[in-house]
Amino acid sequence: MSNENEVTVDAREKVCPVPVLETAKAARLAKPGQVIKVIATDPAAKQDLVNWARVTNNELLSVEENNDAVVVRIRVKGKL
Protein backbone atom coordinates (compact mmCIF):
# COMPACT_ATOMS: atom_id res chain seq x y z
CA MET A 1 0.00 0.00 0.00
CA SER A 2 1.33 3.41 -0.95
CA ASN A 3 0.04 6.89 -0.30
CA GLU A 4 1.12 10.48 -0.77
CA ASN A 5 3.06 10.33 2.49
CA GLU A 6 5.17 7.39 1.27
CA VAL A 7 7.77 7.50 -1.49
CA THR A 8 9.06 4.23 -2.96
CA VAL A 9 12.68 3.77 -3.99
CA ASP A 10 12.97 0.66 -6.15
CA ALA A 11 16.63 -0.34 -5.87
CA ARG A 12 16.19 -3.95 -6.94
CA GLU A 13 19.10 -5.33 -8.98
CA LYS A 14 21.28 -2.37 -7.94
CA VAL A 15 24.41 -2.88 -5.87
CA CYS A 16 26.12 -0.88 -3.18
CA PRO A 17 26.25 2.10 -2.90
CA VAL A 18 23.31 2.78 -5.26
CA PRO A 19 20.45 1.84 -2.87
CA VAL A 20 21.76 4.25 -0.24
CA LEU A 21 22.46 7.00 -2.80
CA GLU A 22 18.93 6.73 -4.20
CA THR A 23 17.50 6.76 -0.68
CA ALA A 24 19.51 9.87 0.19
CA LYS A 25 18.26 11.60 -2.96
CA ALA A 26 14.65 10.73 -2.09
CA ALA A 27 15.19 12.03 1.46
CA ARG A 28 16.50 15.35 0.15
CA LEU A 29 13.31 15.74 -1.92
CA ALA A 30 10.97 14.53 0.83
CA LYS A 31 9.08 16.63 3.32
CA PRO A 32 9.68 16.05 7.04
CA GLY A 33 7.46 13.20 8.17
CA GLN A 34 7.34 11.49 4.79
CA VAL A 35 8.20 7.80 4.69
CA ILE A 36 10.67 6.34 2.21
CA LYS A 37 10.06 2.70 1.35
CA VAL A 38 13.19 1.13 -0.12
CA ILE A 39 13.07 -2.20 -1.93
CA ALA A 40 16.50 -3.73 -2.51
CA THR A 41 17.98 -7.06 -3.52
CA ASP A 42 21.65 -6.35 -2.71
CA PRO A 43 22.46 -8.35 0.45
CA ALA A 44 24.47 -5.41 1.84
CA ALA A 45 21.59 -2.97 1.43
CA LYS A 46 19.83 -3.99 4.65
CA GLN A 47 22.68 -3.03 6.95
CA ASP A 48 23.69 -0.06 4.77
CA LEU A 49 20.18 1.42 4.99
CA VAL A 50 19.89 0.79 8.73
CA ASN A 51 23.24 2.57 9.21
CA TRP A 52 22.26 5.41 6.87
CA ALA A 53 19.06 6.05 8.85
CA ARG A 54 21.05 6.13 12.09
CA VAL A 55 23.82 8.46 10.91
CA THR A 56 21.38 10.85 9.23
CA ASN A 57 19.11 10.90 12.30
CA ASN A 58 16.09 9.63 10.38
CA GLU A 59 13.65 7.18 11.93
CA LEU A 60 13.96 3.52 10.97
CA LEU A 61 10.37 2.24 10.97
CA SER A 62 10.74 -1.32 9.74
CA VAL A 63 12.97 -3.86 8.04
CA GLU A 64 11.22 -6.76 6.33
CA GLU A 65 12.90 -9.56 4.44
CA ASN A 66 11.21 -11.82 1.94
CA ASN A 67 12.60 -14.42 -0.46
CA ASP A 68 14.51 -12.11 -2.76
CA ALA A 69 14.41 -8.59 -1.33
CA VAL A 70 14.53 -6.45 1.75
CA VAL A 71 11.97 -3.67 2.32
CA VAL A 72 13.10 -0.87 4.60
CA ARG A 73 10.86 2.00 5.69
CA ILE A 74 12.46 5.19 6.96
CA ARG A 75 10.65 8.33 8.17
CA VAL A 76 12.41 11.54 7.18
CA LYS A 77 12.82 13.73 10.23
CA GLY A 78 14.12 16.88 8.52
CA LYS A 79 16.01 18.25 5.58
CA LEU A 80 19.45 16.76 4.94
PDB file of N, CA and C in Angstrom:
ATOM      1  N   MET A   1       0.842  -1.172   0.000  1.00  0.00           N
ATOM      2  CA  MET A   1       0.000   0.000   0.000  1.00  0.00           C
ATOM      3  C   MET A   1       0.892   1.241   0.000  1.00  0.00           C
ATOM      4  N   SER A   2       0.568   2.185  -0.850  1.00  0.00           N
ATOM      5  CA  SER A   2       1.328   3.413  -0.954  1.00  0.00           C
ATOM      6  C   SER A   2       0.373   4.591  -0.857  1.00  0.00           C
ATOM      7  N   ASN A   3       0.858   5.689  -0.350  1.00  0.00           N
ATOM      8  CA  ASN A   3       0.044   6.889  -0.296  1.00  0.00           C
ATOM      9  C   ASN A   3       0.936   8.089  -0.528  1.00  0.00           C
ATOM     10  N   GLU A   4       0.350   9.274  -0.480  1.00  0.00           N
ATOM     11  CA  GLU A   4       1.123  10.479  -0.771  1.00  0.00           C
ATOM     12  C   GLU A   4       2.187  10.752   0.282  1.00  0.00           C
ATOM     13  N   ASN A   5       2.068  10.136   1.439  1.00  0.00           N
ATOM     14  CA  ASN A   5       3.064  10.333   2.488  1.00  0.00           C
ATOM     15  C   ASN A   5       4.191   9.307   2.411  1.00  0.00           C
ATOM     16  N   GLU A   6       4.130   8.409   1.414  1.00  0.00           N
ATOM     17  CA  GLU A   6       5.168   7.392   1.265  1.00  0.00           C
ATOM     18  C   GLU A   6       5.733   7.449  -0.148  1.00  0.00           C
ATOM     19  N   VAL A   7       7.058   7.490  -0.224  1.00  0.00           N
ATOM     20  CA  VAL A   7       7.772   7.495  -1.494  1.00  0.00           C
ATOM     21  C   VAL A   7       8.490   6.164  -1.614  1.00  0.00           C
ATOM     22  N   THR A   8       8.391   5.518  -2.770  1.00  0.00           N
ATOM     23  CA  THR A   8       9.057   4.233  -2.964  1.00  0.00           C
ATOM     24  C   THR A   8      10.325   4.408  -3.775  1.00  0.00           C
ATOM     25  N   VAL A   9      11.417   3.835  -3.264  1.00  0.00           N
ATOM     26  CA  VAL A   9      12.682   3.767  -3.987  1.00  0.00           C
ATOM     27  C   VAL A   9      12.874   2.303  -4.372  1.00  0.00           C
ATOM     28  N   ASP A  10      12.793   2.029  -5.657  1.00  0.00           N
ATOM     29  CA  ASP A  10      12.974   0.661  -6.150  1.00  0.00           C
ATOM     30  C   ASP A  10      14.433   0.479  -6.534  1.00  0.00           C
ATOM     31  N   ALA A  11      15.197  -0.136  -5.639  1.00  0.00           N
ATOM     32  CA  ALA A  11      16.625  -0.339  -5.866  1.00  0.00           C
ATOM     33  C   ALA A  11      16.944  -1.808  -6.143  1.00  0.00           C
ATOM     34  N   ARG A  12      15.950  -2.538  -6.610  1.00  0.00           N
ATOM     35  CA  ARG A  12      16.190  -3.948  -6.943  1.00  0.00           C
ATOM     36  C   ARG A  12      17.198  -4.043  -8.071  1.00  0.00           C
ATOM     37  N   GLU A  13      18.061  -5.053  -7.977  1.00  0.00           N
ATOM     38  CA  GLU A  13      19.098  -5.332  -8.984  1.00  0.00           C
ATOM     39  C   GLU A  13      20.179  -4.259  -9.022  1.00  0.00           C
ATOM     40  N   LYS A  14      20.230  -3.388  -8.029  1.00  0.00           N
ATOM     41  CA  LYS A  14      21.284  -2.372  -7.943  1.00  0.00           C
ATOM     42  C   LYS A  14      22.171  -2.723  -6.759  1.00  0.00           C
ATOM     43  N   VAL A  15      23.463  -2.500  -6.921  1.00  0.00           N
ATOM     44  CA  VAL A  15      24.407  -2.885  -5.873  1.00  0.00           C
ATOM     45  C   VAL A  15      24.952  -1.650  -5.167  1.00  0.00           C
ATOM     46  N   CYS A  16      25.526  -1.900  -4.021  1.00  0.00           N
ATOM     47  CA  CYS A  16      26.122  -0.881  -3.178  1.00  0.00           C
ATOM     48  C   CYS A  16      27.047  -0.003  -4.024  1.00  0.00           C
ATOM     49  N   PRO A  17      26.981   1.279  -3.871  1.00  0.00           N
ATOM     50  CA  PRO A  17      26.247   2.100  -2.905  1.00  0.00           C
ATOM     51  C   PRO A  17      24.930   2.662  -3.444  1.00  0.00           C
ATOM     52  N   VAL A  18      24.466   2.178  -4.595  1.00  0.00           N
ATOM     53  CA  VAL A  18      23.308   2.780  -5.265  1.00  0.00           C
ATOM     54  C   VAL A  18      22.041   2.810  -4.398  1.00  0.00           C
ATOM     55  N   PRO A  19      21.665   1.732  -3.693  1.00  0.00           N
ATOM     56  CA  PRO A  19      20.450   1.836  -2.872  1.00  0.00           C
ATOM     57  C   PRO A  19      20.492   2.981  -1.854  1.00  0.00           C
ATOM     58  N   VAL A  20      21.627   3.175  -1.226  1.00  0.00           N
ATOM     59  CA  VAL A  20      21.756   4.255  -0.243  1.00  0.00           C
ATOM     60  C   VAL A  20      21.752   5.618  -0.940  1.00  0.00           C
ATOM     61  N   LEU A  21      22.430   5.729  -2.069  1.00  0.00           N
ATOM     62  CA  LEU A  21      22.465   6.998  -2.798  1.00  0.00           C
ATOM     63  C   LEU A  21      21.065   7.399  -3.265  1.00  0.00           C
ATOM     64  N   GLU A  22      20.295   6.432  -3.759  1.00  0.00           N
ATOM     65  CA  GLU A  22      18.933   6.732  -4.202  1.00  0.00           C
ATOM     66  C   GLU A  22      18.020   7.070  -3.021  1.00  0.00           C
ATOM     67  N   THR A  23      18.268   6.437  -1.882  1.00  0.00           N
ATOM     68  CA  THR A  23      17.501   6.760  -0.679  1.00  0.00           C
ATOM     69  C   THR A  23      17.829   8.172  -0.209  1.00  0.00           C
ATOM     70  N   ALA A  24      19.097   8.529  -0.218  1.00  0.00           N
ATOM     71  CA  ALA A  24      19.507   9.872   0.195  1.00  0.00           C
ATOM     72  C   ALA A  24      18.901  10.929  -0.721  1.00  0.00           C
ATOM     73  N   LYS A  25      18.858  10.654  -2.015  1.00  0.00           N
ATOM     74  CA  LYS A  25      18.255  11.599  -2.962  1.00  0.00           C
ATOM     75  C   LYS A  25      16.767  11.771  -2.659  1.00  0.00           C
ATOM     76  N   ALA A  26      16.075  10.661  -2.422  1.00  0.00           N
ATOM     77  CA  ALA A  26      14.647  10.729  -2.091  1.00  0.00           C
ATOM     78  C   ALA A  26      14.434  11.505  -0.799  1.00  0.00           C
ATOM     79  N   ALA A  27      15.315  11.326   0.176  1.00  0.00           N
ATOM     80  CA  ALA A  27      15.190  12.029   1.459  1.00  0.00           C
ATOM     81  C   ALA A  27      15.378  13.530   1.276  1.00  0.00           C
ATOM     82  N   ARG A  28      16.285  13.917   0.403  1.00  0.00           N
ATOM     83  CA  ARG A  28      16.499  15.353   0.153  1.00  0.00           C
ATOM     84  C   ARG A  28      15.252  15.992  -0.464  1.00  0.00           C
ATOM     85  N   LEU A  29      14.513  15.231  -1.258  1.00  0.00           N
ATOM     86  CA  LEU A  29      13.313  15.743  -1.916  1.00  0.00           C
ATOM     87  C   LEU A  29      12.056  15.620  -1.054  1.00  0.00           C
ATOM     88  N   ALA A  30      12.136  14.810  -0.008  1.00  0.00           N
ATOM     89  CA  ALA A  30      10.967  14.529   0.831  1.00  0.00           C
ATOM     90  C   ALA A  30      10.707  15.665   1.815  1.00  0.00           C
ATOM     91  N   LYS A  31       9.464  15.711   2.265  1.00  0.00           N
ATOM     92  CA  LYS A  31       9.080  16.633   3.321  1.00  0.00           C
ATOM     93  C   LYS A  31       9.289  15.930   4.659  1.00  0.00           C
ATOM     94  N   PRO A  32       9.580  16.675   5.719  1.00  0.00           N
ATOM     95  CA  PRO A  32       9.678  16.051   7.040  1.00  0.00           C
ATOM     96  C   PRO A  32       8.406  15.264   7.351  1.00  0.00           C
ATOM     97  N   GLY A  33       8.583  14.065   7.851  1.00  0.00           N
ATOM     98  CA  GLY A  33       7.456  13.203   8.172  1.00  0.00           C
ATOM     99  C   GLY A  33       7.127  12.198   7.078  1.00  0.00           C
ATOM    100  N   GLN A  34       7.593  12.450   5.858  1.00  0.00           N
ATOM    101  CA  GLN A  34       7.339  11.490   4.787  1.00  0.00           C
ATOM    102  C   GLN A  34       8.120  10.209   5.043  1.00  0.00           C
ATOM    103  N   VAL A  35       7.567   9.103   4.537  1.00  0.00           N
ATOM    104  CA  VAL A  35       8.199   7.799   4.687  1.00  0.00           C
ATOM    105  C   VAL A  35       8.796   7.383   3.346  1.00  0.00           C
ATOM    106  N   ILE A  36      10.015   6.895   3.397  1.00  0.00           N
ATOM    107  CA  ILE A  36      10.668   6.341   2.214  1.00  0.00           C
ATOM    108  C   ILE A  36      10.662   4.829   2.368  1.00  0.00           C
ATOM    109  N   LYS A  37      10.084   4.164   1.398  1.00  0.00           N
ATOM    110  CA  LYS A  37      10.058   2.700   1.348  1.00  0.00           C
ATOM    111  C   LYS A  37      11.097   2.282   0.318  1.00  0.00           C
ATOM    112  N   VAL A  38      12.118   1.563   0.762  1.00  0.00           N
ATOM    113  CA  VAL A  38      13.191   1.134  -0.119  1.00  0.00           C
ATOM    114  C   VAL A  38      13.090  -0.376  -0.327  1.00  0.00           C
ATOM    115  N   ILE A  39      13.077  -0.780  -1.579  1.00  0.00           N
ATOM    116  CA  ILE A  39      13.067  -2.199  -1.933  1.00  0.00           C
ATOM    117  C   ILE A  39      14.409  -2.497  -2.579  1.00  0.00           C
ATOM    118  N   ALA A  40      15.162  -3.435  -2.006  1.00  0.00           N
ATOM    119  CA  ALA A  40      16.503  -3.725  -2.510  1.00  0.00           C
ATOM    120  C   ALA A  40      16.782  -5.223  -2.499  1.00  0.00           C
ATOM    121  N   THR A  41      17.590  -5.651  -3.440  1.00  0.00           N
ATOM    122  CA  THR A  41      17.983  -7.062  -3.516  1.00  0.00           C
ATOM    123  C   THR A  41      19.451  -7.278  -3.173  1.00  0.00           C
ATOM    124  N   ASP A  42      20.242  -6.221  -3.093  1.00  0.00           N
ATOM    125  CA  ASP A  42      21.653  -6.355  -2.711  1.00  0.00           C
ATOM    126  C   ASP A  42      21.719  -6.784  -1.245  1.00  0.00           C
ATOM    127  N   PRO A  43      22.403  -7.881  -0.939  1.00  0.00           N
ATOM    128  CA  PRO A  43      22.464  -8.350   0.455  1.00  0.00           C
ATOM    129  C   PRO A  43      23.021  -7.307   1.433  1.00  0.00           C
ATOM    130  N   ALA A  44      23.887  -6.426   0.961  1.00  0.00           N
ATOM    131  CA  ALA A  44      24.470  -5.415   1.837  1.00  0.00           C
ATOM    132  C   ALA A  44      23.516  -4.254   2.106  1.00  0.00           C
ATOM    133  N   ALA A  45      22.476  -4.127   1.319  1.00  0.00           N
ATOM    134  CA  ALA A  45      21.585  -2.969   1.432  1.00  0.00           C
ATOM    135  C   ALA A  45      20.901  -2.886   2.788  1.00  0.00           C
ATOM    136  N   LYS A  46      20.530  -4.009   3.355  1.00  0.00           N
ATOM    137  CA  LYS A  46      19.829  -3.993   4.645  1.00  0.00           C
ATOM    138  C   LYS A  46      20.638  -3.240   5.692  1.00  0.00           C
ATOM    139  N   GLN A  47      21.852  -3.671   5.926  1.00  0.00           N
ATOM    140  CA  GLN A  47      22.676  -3.025   6.951  1.00  0.00           C
ATOM    141  C   GLN A  47      23.069  -1.611   6.548  1.00  0.00           C
ATOM    142  N   ASP A  48      23.335  -1.408   5.248  1.00  0.00           N
ATOM    143  CA  ASP A  48      23.686  -0.064   4.772  1.00  0.00           C
ATOM    144  C   ASP A  48      22.553   0.927   5.042  1.00  0.00           C
ATOM    145  N   LEU A  49      21.317   0.525   4.783  1.00  0.00           N
ATOM    146  CA  LEU A  49      20.181   1.421   4.986  1.00  0.00           C
ATOM    147  C   LEU A  49      19.897   1.658   6.463  1.00  0.00           C
ATOM    148  N   VAL A  50      20.053   0.628   7.269  1.00  0.00           N
ATOM    149  CA  VAL A  50      19.894   0.789   8.726  1.00  0.00           C
ATOM    150  C   VAL A  50      20.935   1.796   9.238  1.00  0.00           C
ATOM    151  N   ASN A  51      22.178   1.644   8.803  1.00  0.00           N
ATOM    152  CA  ASN A  51      23.242   2.567   9.213  1.00  0.00           C
ATOM    153  C   ASN A  51      22.987   3.981   8.702  1.00  0.00           C
ATOM    154  N   TRP A  52      22.528   4.093   7.448  1.00  0.00           N
ATOM    155  CA  TRP A  52      22.257   5.408   6.870  1.00  0.00           C
ATOM    156  C   TRP A  52      21.193   6.132   7.689  1.00  0.00           C
ATOM    157  N   ALA A  53      20.122   5.427   8.046  1.00  0.00           N
ATOM    158  CA  ALA A  53      19.059   6.047   8.846  1.00  0.00           C
ATOM    159  C   ALA A  53      19.619   6.552  10.175  1.00  0.00           C
ATOM    160  N   ARG A  54      20.478   5.753  10.785  1.00  0.00           N
ATOM    161  CA  ARG A  54      21.054   6.128  12.093  1.00  0.00           C
ATOM    162  C   ARG A  54      21.949   7.365  11.964  1.00  0.00           C
ATOM    163  N   VAL A  55      22.866   7.357  11.003  1.00  0.00           N
ATOM    164  CA  VAL A  55      23.824   8.464  10.912  1.00  0.00           C
ATOM    165  C   VAL A  55      23.188   9.750  10.405  1.00  0.00           C
ATOM    166  N   THR A  56      22.066   9.653   9.702  1.00  0.00           N
ATOM    167  CA  THR A  56      21.379  10.855   9.230  1.00  0.00           C
ATOM    168  C   THR A  56      20.276  11.292  10.176  1.00  0.00           C
ATOM    169  N   ASN A  57      20.110  10.580  11.278  1.00  0.00           N
ATOM    170  CA  ASN A  57      19.112  10.898  12.299  1.00  0.00           C
ATOM    171  C   ASN A  57      17.686  10.838  11.760  1.00  0.00           C
ATOM    172  N   ASN A  58      17.443   9.896  10.852  1.00  0.00           N
ATOM    173  CA  ASN A  58      16.091   9.631  10.385  1.00  0.00           C
ATOM    174  C   ASN A  58      15.567   8.411  11.131  1.00  0.00           C
ATOM    175  N   GLU A  59      14.262   8.221  11.120  1.00  0.00           N
ATOM    176  CA  GLU A  59      13.648   7.179  11.931  1.00  0.00           C
ATOM    177  C   GLU A  59      13.457   5.879  11.146  1.00  0.00           C
ATOM    178  N   LEU A  60      14.126   4.835  11.579  1.00  0.00           N
ATOM    179  CA  LEU A  60      13.957   3.516  10.972  1.00  0.00           C
ATOM    180  C   LEU A  60      12.645   2.940  11.482  1.00  0.00           C
ATOM    181  N   LEU A  61      11.681   2.742  10.579  1.00  0.00           N
ATOM    182  CA  LEU A  61      10.366   2.244  10.972  1.00  0.00           C
ATOM    183  C   LEU A  61      10.282   0.730  10.923  1.00  0.00           C
ATOM    184  N   SER A  62      10.836   0.136   9.858  1.00  0.00           N
ATOM    185  CA  SER A  62      10.738  -1.320   9.740  1.00  0.00           C
ATOM    186  C   SER A  62      11.766  -1.852   8.744  1.00  0.00           C
ATOM    187  N   VAL A  63      12.114  -3.113   8.956  1.00  0.00           N
ATOM    188  CA  VAL A  63      12.973  -3.862   8.038  1.00  0.00           C
ATOM    189  C   VAL A  63      12.303  -5.214   7.847  1.00  0.00           C
ATOM    190  N   GLU A  64      11.883  -5.501   6.631  1.00  0.00           N
ATOM    191  CA  GLU A  64      11.221  -6.762   6.333  1.00  0.00           C
ATOM    192  C   GLU A  64      12.003  -7.488   5.248  1.00  0.00           C
ATOM    193  N   GLU A  65      12.216  -8.756   5.448  1.00  0.00           N
ATOM    194  CA  GLU A  65      12.903  -9.560   4.441  1.00  0.00           C
ATOM    195  C   GLU A  65      11.930 -10.581   3.878  1.00  0.00           C
ATOM    196  N   ASN A  66      11.961 -10.735   2.552  1.00  0.00           N
ATOM    197  CA  ASN A  66      11.214 -11.823   1.941  1.00  0.00           C
ATOM    198  C   ASN A  66      12.200 -12.653   1.124  1.00  0.00           C
ATOM    199  N   ASN A  67      11.734 -13.478   0.251  1.00  0.00           N
ATOM    200  CA  ASN A  67      12.605 -14.423  -0.461  1.00  0.00           C
ATOM    201  C   ASN A  67      13.747 -13.761  -1.208  1.00  0.00           C
ATOM    202  N   ASP A  68      13.480 -12.672  -1.884  1.00  0.00           N
ATOM    203  CA  ASP A  68      14.507 -12.112  -2.757  1.00  0.00           C
ATOM    204  C   ASP A  68      14.826 -10.644  -2.511  1.00  0.00           C
ATOM    205  N   ALA A  69      14.193 -10.022  -1.535  1.00  0.00           N
ATOM    206  CA  ALA A  69      14.414  -8.592  -1.331  1.00  0.00           C
ATOM    207  C   ALA A  69      14.245  -8.216   0.133  1.00  0.00           C
ATOM    208  N   VAL A  70      14.751  -7.051   0.443  1.00  0.00           N
ATOM    209  CA  VAL A  70      14.525  -6.445   1.748  1.00  0.00           C
ATOM    210  C   VAL A  70      13.714  -5.174   1.502  1.00  0.00           C
ATOM    211  N   VAL A  71      12.765  -4.894   2.397  1.00  0.00           N
ATOM    212  CA  VAL A  71      11.970  -3.673   2.322  1.00  0.00           C
ATOM    213  C   VAL A  71      12.225  -2.904   3.612  1.00  0.00           C
ATOM    214  N   VAL A  72      12.760  -1.702   3.454  1.00  0.00           N
ATOM    215  CA  VAL A  72      13.102  -0.867   4.603  1.00  0.00           C
ATOM    216  C   VAL A  72      12.262   0.403   4.523  1.00  0.00           C
ATOM    217  N   ARG A  73      11.634   0.752   5.628  1.00  0.00           N
ATOM    218  CA  ARG A  73      10.860   1.996   5.687  1.00  0.00           C
ATOM    219  C   ARG A  73      11.555   2.939   6.668  1.00  0.00           C
ATOM    220  N   ILE A  74      11.766   4.165   6.183  1.00  0.00           N
ATOM    221  CA  ILE A  74      12.460   5.194   6.961  1.00  0.00           C
ATOM    222  C   ILE A  74      11.639   6.472   6.925  1.00  0.00           C
ATOM    223  N   ARG A  75      11.356   7.038   8.101  1.00  0.00           N
ATOM    224  CA  ARG A  75      10.653   8.325   8.168  1.00  0.00           C
ATOM    225  C   ARG A  75      11.688   9.450   8.186  1.00  0.00           C
ATOM    226  N   VAL A  76      11.516  10.397   7.276  1.00  0.00           N
ATOM    227  CA  VAL A  76      12.406  11.536   7.176  1.00  0.00           C
ATOM    228  C   VAL A  76      12.068  12.519   8.293  1.00  0.00           C
ATOM    229  N   LYS A  77      13.064  12.835   9.101  1.00  0.00           N
ATOM    230  CA  LYS A  77      12.823  13.734  10.229  1.00  0.00           C
ATOM    231  C   LYS A  77      13.006  15.201   9.858  1.00  0.00           C
ATOM    232  N   GLY A  78      13.876  15.494   8.917  1.00  0.00           N
ATOM    233  CA  GLY A  78      14.120  16.881   8.516  1.00  0.00           C
ATOM    234  C   GLY A  78      14.930  16.913   7.242  1.00  0.00           C
ATOM    235  N   LYS A  79      15.225  18.102   6.797  1.00  0.00           N
ATOM    236  CA  LYS A  79      16.013  18.251   5.576  1.00  0.00           C
ATOM    237  C   LYS A  79      17.451  17.848   5.833  1.00  0.00           C
ATOM    238  N   LEU A  80      18.035  17.170   4.838  1.00  0.00           N
ATOM    239  CA  LEU A  80      19.447  16.755   4.944  1.00  0.00           C
ATOM    240  C   LEU A  80      20.338  17.850   4.403  1.00  0.00           C
TER     241      LEU A  80
END
